[in-house]
Amino acid sequence: GGVKIVEPAADLGVVTAIVSNVKNVPVDPDVVVMGEVGLGGEIRSIRLLEQRLKEAAKLGFRKAVVPLNDLDTLPAIKGIKVAGAKKFSQALSAAMKGGGNSGEGR
């Protein structure tokens, strides 16, 4: 087995899925997560975030968890609520089914 990721923005999604499986706690199906995960658990900025979120909203996602640093320049996007996370633990909490809002949000 194994996973090879060539798109850094997919890091957060893959790590969230793995932890969700190990802990047997589902990820909220209305949530999309995107961000690069550093070795220290920090969530790093990604390219083309606004475009990615617009596409996620078109696909029916109602909430997104993204790098906190990216919220400063991100405009409001119709149809999707965006929460920022600085660390993986915050992102995981926000993404889990019934999870609260982590960090700052829009």
N, C-alpha and C. Protein backbone atom coordinates (compact mmCIF):
# COMPACT_ATOMS: atom_id res chain seq x y z
N GLY A 1 0.81 -1.18 0.00
CA GLY A 1 0.00 0.00 0.00
C GLY A 1 0.86 1.24 0.00
N GLY A 2 0.24 2.32 0.34
CA GLY A 2 0.91 3.60 0.42
C GLY A 2 0.22 4.64 -0.42
N VAL A 3 0.64 5.86 -0.23
CA VAL A 3 0.07 6.97 -0.95
C VAL A 3 1.19 7.86 -1.43
N LYS A 4 1.12 8.25 -2.70
CA LYS A 4 2.08 9.21 -3.22
C LYS A 4 1.30 10.46 -3.58
N ILE A 5 1.66 11.58 -2.96
CA ILE A 5 0.98 12.84 -3.18
C ILE A 5 1.92 13.79 -3.90
N VAL A 6 1.49 14.31 -5.03
CA VAL A 6 2.31 15.29 -5.75
C VAL A 6 1.74 16.70 -5.60
N GLU A 7 0.53 16.83 -5.08
CA GLU A 7 -0.10 18.13 -4.87
C GLU A 7 -0.08 18.45 -3.38
N PRO A 8 0.74 19.42 -2.94
CA PRO A 8 0.84 19.73 -1.51
C PRO A 8 -0.50 20.08 -0.85
N ALA A 9 -1.43 20.66 -1.59
CA ALA A 9 -2.72 21.04 -1.01
C ALA A 9 -3.53 19.83 -0.57
N ALA A 10 -3.18 18.65 -1.05
CA ALA A 10 -3.90 17.42 -0.68
C ALA A 10 -3.42 16.83 0.64
N ASP A 11 -2.31 17.31 1.15
CA ASP A 11 -1.75 16.76 2.41
C ASP A 11 -2.79 16.69 3.51
N LEU A 12 -3.45 17.81 3.76
CA LEU A 12 -4.38 17.89 4.88
C LEU A 12 -5.54 16.91 4.72
N GLY A 13 -6.03 16.75 3.50
CA GLY A 13 -7.11 15.80 3.25
C GLY A 13 -6.70 14.37 3.52
N VAL A 14 -5.52 14.00 3.07
CA VAL A 14 -5.03 12.63 3.26
C VAL A 14 -4.79 12.34 4.74
N VAL A 15 -4.12 13.26 5.42
CA VAL A 15 -3.83 13.04 6.84
C VAL A 15 -5.13 13.01 7.65
N THR A 16 -6.08 13.85 7.31
CA THR A 16 -7.37 13.85 8.00
C THR A 16 -8.09 12.51 7.80
N ALA A 17 -8.07 12.00 6.59
CA ALA A 17 -8.71 10.70 6.31
C ALA A 17 -8.05 9.56 7.09
N ILE A 18 -6.73 9.58 7.17
CA ILE A 18 -6.01 8.53 7.90
C ILE A 18 -6.37 8.57 9.39
N VAL A 19 -6.31 9.76 9.99
CA VAL A 19 -6.61 9.88 11.42
C VAL A 19 -8.08 9.53 11.68
N SER A 20 -8.97 9.96 10.79
CA SER A 20 -10.38 9.62 10.92
C SER A 20 -10.58 8.11 10.96
N ASN A 21 -9.88 7.40 10.10
CA ASN A 21 -9.98 5.94 10.05
C ASN A 21 -9.41 5.29 11.30
N VAL A 22 -8.25 5.74 11.72
CA VAL A 22 -7.59 5.15 12.90
C VAL A 22 -8.43 5.37 14.16
N LYS A 23 -8.99 6.57 14.30
CA LYS A 23 -9.79 6.89 15.49
C LYS A 23 -11.25 6.45 15.35
N ASN A 24 -11.62 5.99 14.15
CA ASN A 24 -12.99 5.56 13.87
C ASN A 24 -14.00 6.68 14.16
N VAL A 25 -13.62 7.90 13.74
CA VAL A 25 -14.49 9.07 13.88
C VAL A 25 -14.66 9.66 12.48
N PRO A 26 -15.90 9.75 12.00
CA PRO A 26 -16.10 10.21 10.62
C PRO A 26 -15.82 11.70 10.43
N VAL A 27 -15.37 12.03 9.24
CA VAL A 27 -15.23 13.42 8.83
C VAL A 27 -16.61 13.87 8.36
N ASP A 28 -16.98 15.08 8.70
CA ASP A 28 -18.26 15.64 8.27
C ASP A 28 -18.32 15.63 6.75
N PRO A 29 -19.33 15.02 6.15
CA PRO A 29 -19.39 14.93 4.68
C PRO A 29 -19.59 16.27 3.98
N ASP A 30 -19.95 17.32 4.72
CA ASP A 30 -20.12 18.64 4.14
C ASP A 30 -18.84 19.47 4.17
N VAL A 31 -17.75 18.88 4.69
CA VAL A 31 -16.49 19.61 4.87
C VAL A 31 -15.45 19.17 3.86
N VAL A 32 -14.76 20.16 3.30
CA VAL A 32 -13.59 19.91 2.48
C VAL A 32 -12.39 20.52 3.22
N VAL A 33 -11.28 19.82 3.21
CA VAL A 33 -10.07 20.32 3.86
C VAL A 33 -8.96 20.43 2.82
N MET A 34 -8.18 21.49 2.93
CA MET A 34 -7.07 21.65 1.99
C MET A 34 -5.96 22.45 2.64
N GLY A 35 -4.75 21.97 2.44
CA GLY A 35 -3.58 22.64 2.99
C GLY A 35 -2.40 21.71 2.99
N GLU A 36 -1.23 22.29 3.05
CA GLU A 36 -0.01 21.51 3.15
C GLU A 36 0.30 21.32 4.63
N VAL A 37 0.66 20.11 5.03
CA VAL A 37 0.95 19.82 6.44
C VAL A 37 2.46 19.68 6.60
N GLY A 38 3.03 20.50 7.49
CA GLY A 38 4.46 20.44 7.77
C GLY A 38 4.77 19.35 8.78
N LEU A 39 6.04 19.05 8.95
CA LEU A 39 6.45 17.99 9.87
C LEU A 39 6.10 18.31 11.32
N GLY A 40 5.95 19.58 11.66
CA GLY A 40 5.58 19.97 13.02
C GLY A 40 4.08 20.08 13.21
N GLY A 41 3.31 19.68 12.20
CA GLY A 41 1.86 19.73 12.29
C GLY A 41 1.27 21.07 11.88
N GLU A 42 2.12 22.00 11.43
CA GLU A 42 1.60 23.30 10.99
C GLU A 42 0.93 23.16 9.62
N ILE A 43 -0.08 23.97 9.39
CA ILE A 43 -0.80 23.97 8.12
C ILE A 43 -0.27 25.15 7.31
N ARG A 44 0.31 24.85 6.17
CA ARG A 44 0.94 25.87 5.33
C ARG A 44 0.01 26.32 4.21
N SER A 45 0.25 27.54 3.75
CA SER A 45 -0.53 28.13 2.67
C SER A 45 -0.46 27.30 1.39
N ILE A 46 -1.51 27.44 0.57
CA ILE A 46 -1.56 26.74 -0.71
C ILE A 46 -1.90 27.73 -1.82
N ARG A 47 -1.60 27.35 -3.05
CA ARG A 47 -1.87 28.18 -4.21
C ARG A 47 -3.34 28.02 -4.64
N LEU A 48 -3.85 29.03 -5.28
CA LEU A 48 -5.18 28.99 -5.92
C LEU A 48 -6.32 28.65 -4.96
N LEU A 49 -6.22 29.11 -3.74
CA LEU A 49 -7.22 28.75 -2.73
C LEU A 49 -8.62 29.24 -3.11
N GLU A 50 -8.73 30.47 -3.57
CA GLU A 50 -10.06 30.99 -3.91
C GLU A 50 -10.73 30.14 -4.99
N GLN A 51 -9.98 29.77 -6.02
CA GLN A 51 -10.54 28.95 -7.08
C GLN A 51 -10.94 27.57 -6.57
N ARG A 52 -10.12 27.00 -5.72
CA ARG A 52 -10.42 25.68 -5.15
C ARG A 52 -11.70 25.72 -4.32
N LEU A 53 -11.86 26.80 -3.53
CA LEU A 53 -13.06 26.91 -2.70
C LEU A 53 -14.32 27.14 -3.53
N LYS A 54 -14.21 27.92 -4.58
CA LYS A 54 -15.37 28.11 -5.47
C LYS A 54 -15.80 26.78 -6.08
N GLU A 55 -14.83 25.98 -6.48
CA GLU A 55 -15.16 24.67 -7.06
C GLU A 55 -15.75 23.74 -6.00
N ALA A 56 -15.22 23.79 -4.78
CA ALA A 56 -15.77 22.97 -3.69
C ALA A 56 -17.22 23.35 -3.41
N ALA A 57 -17.51 24.65 -3.43
CA ALA A 57 -18.89 25.10 -3.22
C ALA A 57 -19.80 24.58 -4.33
N LYS A 58 -19.33 24.60 -5.57
CA LYS A 58 -20.11 24.06 -6.69
C LYS A 58 -20.40 22.57 -6.51
N LEU A 59 -19.46 21.86 -5.88
CA LEU A 59 -19.61 20.43 -5.66
C LEU A 59 -20.50 20.11 -4.45
N GLY A 60 -20.93 21.14 -3.73
CA GLY A 60 -21.86 20.93 -2.63
C GLY A 60 -21.27 20.97 -1.24
N PHE A 61 -19.98 21.22 -1.11
CA PHE A 61 -19.40 21.36 0.22
C PHE A 61 -19.88 22.67 0.84
N ARG A 62 -20.24 22.64 2.11
CA ARG A 62 -20.76 23.83 2.78
C ARG A 62 -19.76 24.44 3.76
N LYS A 63 -18.69 23.72 4.05
CA LYS A 63 -17.68 24.22 4.99
C LYS A 63 -16.32 23.80 4.48
N ALA A 64 -15.33 24.66 4.72
CA ALA A 64 -13.95 24.34 4.33
C ALA A 64 -13.01 24.65 5.48
N VAL A 65 -11.99 23.83 5.61
CA VAL A 65 -10.93 24.09 6.57
C VAL A 65 -9.66 24.32 5.75
N VAL A 66 -9.07 25.50 5.94
CA VAL A 66 -7.92 25.92 5.14
C VAL A 66 -6.84 26.48 6.06
N PRO A 67 -5.65 26.75 5.52
CA PRO A 67 -4.60 27.37 6.34
C PRO A 67 -5.05 28.73 6.88
N LEU A 68 -4.86 28.97 8.15
CA LEU A 68 -5.26 30.21 8.80
C LEU A 68 -4.61 31.42 8.14
N ASN A 69 -3.35 31.30 7.74
CA ASN A 69 -2.64 32.42 7.11
C ASN A 69 -3.31 32.89 5.83
N ASP A 70 -4.05 32.02 5.16
CA ASP A 70 -4.68 32.37 3.89
C ASP A 70 -5.98 33.15 4.07
N LEU A 71 -6.52 33.22 5.28
CA LEU A 71 -7.80 33.91 5.48
C LEU A 71 -7.68 35.42 5.30
N ASP A 72 -6.50 35.98 5.54
CA ASP A 72 -6.32 37.43 5.46
C ASP A 72 -6.68 38.00 4.09
N THR A 73 -6.33 37.29 3.04
CA THR A 73 -6.54 37.80 1.69
C THR A 73 -7.70 37.14 0.96
N LEU A 74 -8.38 36.24 1.61
CA LEU A 74 -9.45 35.49 0.97
C LEU A 74 -10.78 36.24 1.04
N PRO A 75 -11.40 36.51 -0.11
CA PRO A 75 -12.73 37.13 -0.06
C PRO A 75 -13.79 36.11 0.36
N ALA A 76 -14.94 36.60 0.77
CA ALA A 76 -16.05 35.69 1.10
C ALA A 76 -16.47 34.96 -0.17
N ILE A 77 -16.77 33.69 -0.02
CA ILE A 77 -17.17 32.87 -1.16
C ILE A 77 -18.57 32.35 -0.90
N LYS A 78 -19.46 32.64 -1.85
CA LYS A 78 -20.87 32.29 -1.71
C LYS A 78 -21.05 30.77 -1.57
N GLY A 79 -21.81 30.38 -0.54
CA GLY A 79 -22.19 28.99 -0.38
C GLY A 79 -21.27 28.14 0.47
N ILE A 80 -20.17 28.73 0.95
CA ILE A 80 -19.25 27.91 1.75
C ILE A 80 -18.69 28.75 2.90
N LYS A 81 -18.72 28.17 4.09
CA LYS A 81 -18.17 28.81 5.28
C LYS A 81 -16.73 28.32 5.43
N VAL A 82 -15.81 29.24 5.63
CA VAL A 82 -14.39 28.89 5.67
C VAL A 82 -13.84 29.08 7.07
N ALA A 83 -13.19 28.04 7.59
CA ALA A 83 -12.52 28.10 8.89
C ALA A 83 -11.03 27.94 8.66
N GLY A 84 -10.25 28.69 9.42
CA GLY A 84 -8.80 28.60 9.30
C GLY A 84 -8.20 27.81 10.43
N ALA A 85 -7.14 27.08 10.12
CA ALA A 85 -6.43 26.30 11.14
C ALA A 85 -4.94 26.54 11.01
N LYS A 86 -4.30 26.71 12.13
CA LYS A 86 -2.85 26.92 12.15
C LYS A 86 -2.11 25.59 12.33
N LYS A 87 -2.72 24.69 13.08
CA LYS A 87 -2.13 23.38 13.37
C LYS A 87 -3.07 22.27 12.93
N PHE A 88 -2.52 21.09 12.69
CA PHE A 88 -3.32 19.96 12.25
C PHE A 88 -4.41 19.60 13.26
N SER A 89 -4.11 19.69 14.54
CA SER A 89 -5.11 19.34 15.56
C SER A 89 -6.34 20.24 15.44
N GLN A 90 -6.16 21.52 15.13
CA GLN A 90 -7.29 22.44 14.94
C GLN A 90 -8.09 22.05 13.70
N ALA A 91 -7.39 21.74 12.63
CA ALA A 91 -8.06 21.35 11.38
C ALA A 91 -8.86 20.07 11.58
N LEU A 92 -8.30 19.11 12.27
CA LEU A 92 -8.97 17.84 12.51
C LEU A 92 -10.24 18.06 13.33
N SER A 93 -10.15 18.86 14.36
CA SER A 93 -11.32 19.14 15.20
C SER A 93 -12.43 19.80 14.38
N ALA A 94 -12.08 20.72 13.51
CA ALA A 94 -13.07 21.42 12.70
C ALA A 94 -13.68 20.52 11.63
N ALA A 95 -12.93 19.53 11.17
CA ALA A 95 -13.39 18.67 10.08
C ALA A 95 -14.24 17.49 10.54
N MET A 96 -14.10 17.08 11.78
CA MET A 96 -14.82 15.91 12.25
C MET A 96 -16.32 16.17 12.36
N LYS A 97 -17.09 15.14 12.16
CA LYS A 97 -18.55 15.25 12.21
C LYS A 97 -18.96 15.81 13.57
N GLY A 98 -19.69 16.91 13.54
CA GLY A 98 -20.12 17.54 14.78
C GLY A 98 -19.04 18.40 15.41
N GLY A 99 -17.89 18.53 14.72
CA GLY A 99 -16.79 19.32 15.26
C GLY A 99 -17.11 20.80 15.31
N GLY A 100 -16.46 21.48 16.23
CA GLY A 100 -16.69 22.92 16.36
C GLY A 100 -15.86 23.70 15.38
N ASN A 101 -16.01 25.00 15.42
CA ASN A 101 -15.24 25.88 14.56
C ASN A 101 -13.87 26.06 15.16
N SER A 102 -12.85 25.91 14.37
CA SER A 102 -11.48 26.02 14.84
C SER A 102 -10.86 27.28 14.28
N GLY A 103 -10.09 27.96 15.09
CA GLY A 103 -9.41 29.15 14.59
C GLY A 103 -10.42 30.21 14.20
N GLU A 104 -10.01 31.05 13.25
CA GLU A 104 -10.88 32.09 12.76
C GLU A 104 -11.70 31.58 11.60
N GLY A 105 -12.79 32.26 11.31
CA GLY A 105 -13.61 31.80 10.20
C GLY A 105 -14.29 32.93 9.47
N ARG A 106 -14.91 32.60 8.35
CA ARG A 106 -15.68 33.55 7.54
C ARG A 106 -17.01 32.94 7.22
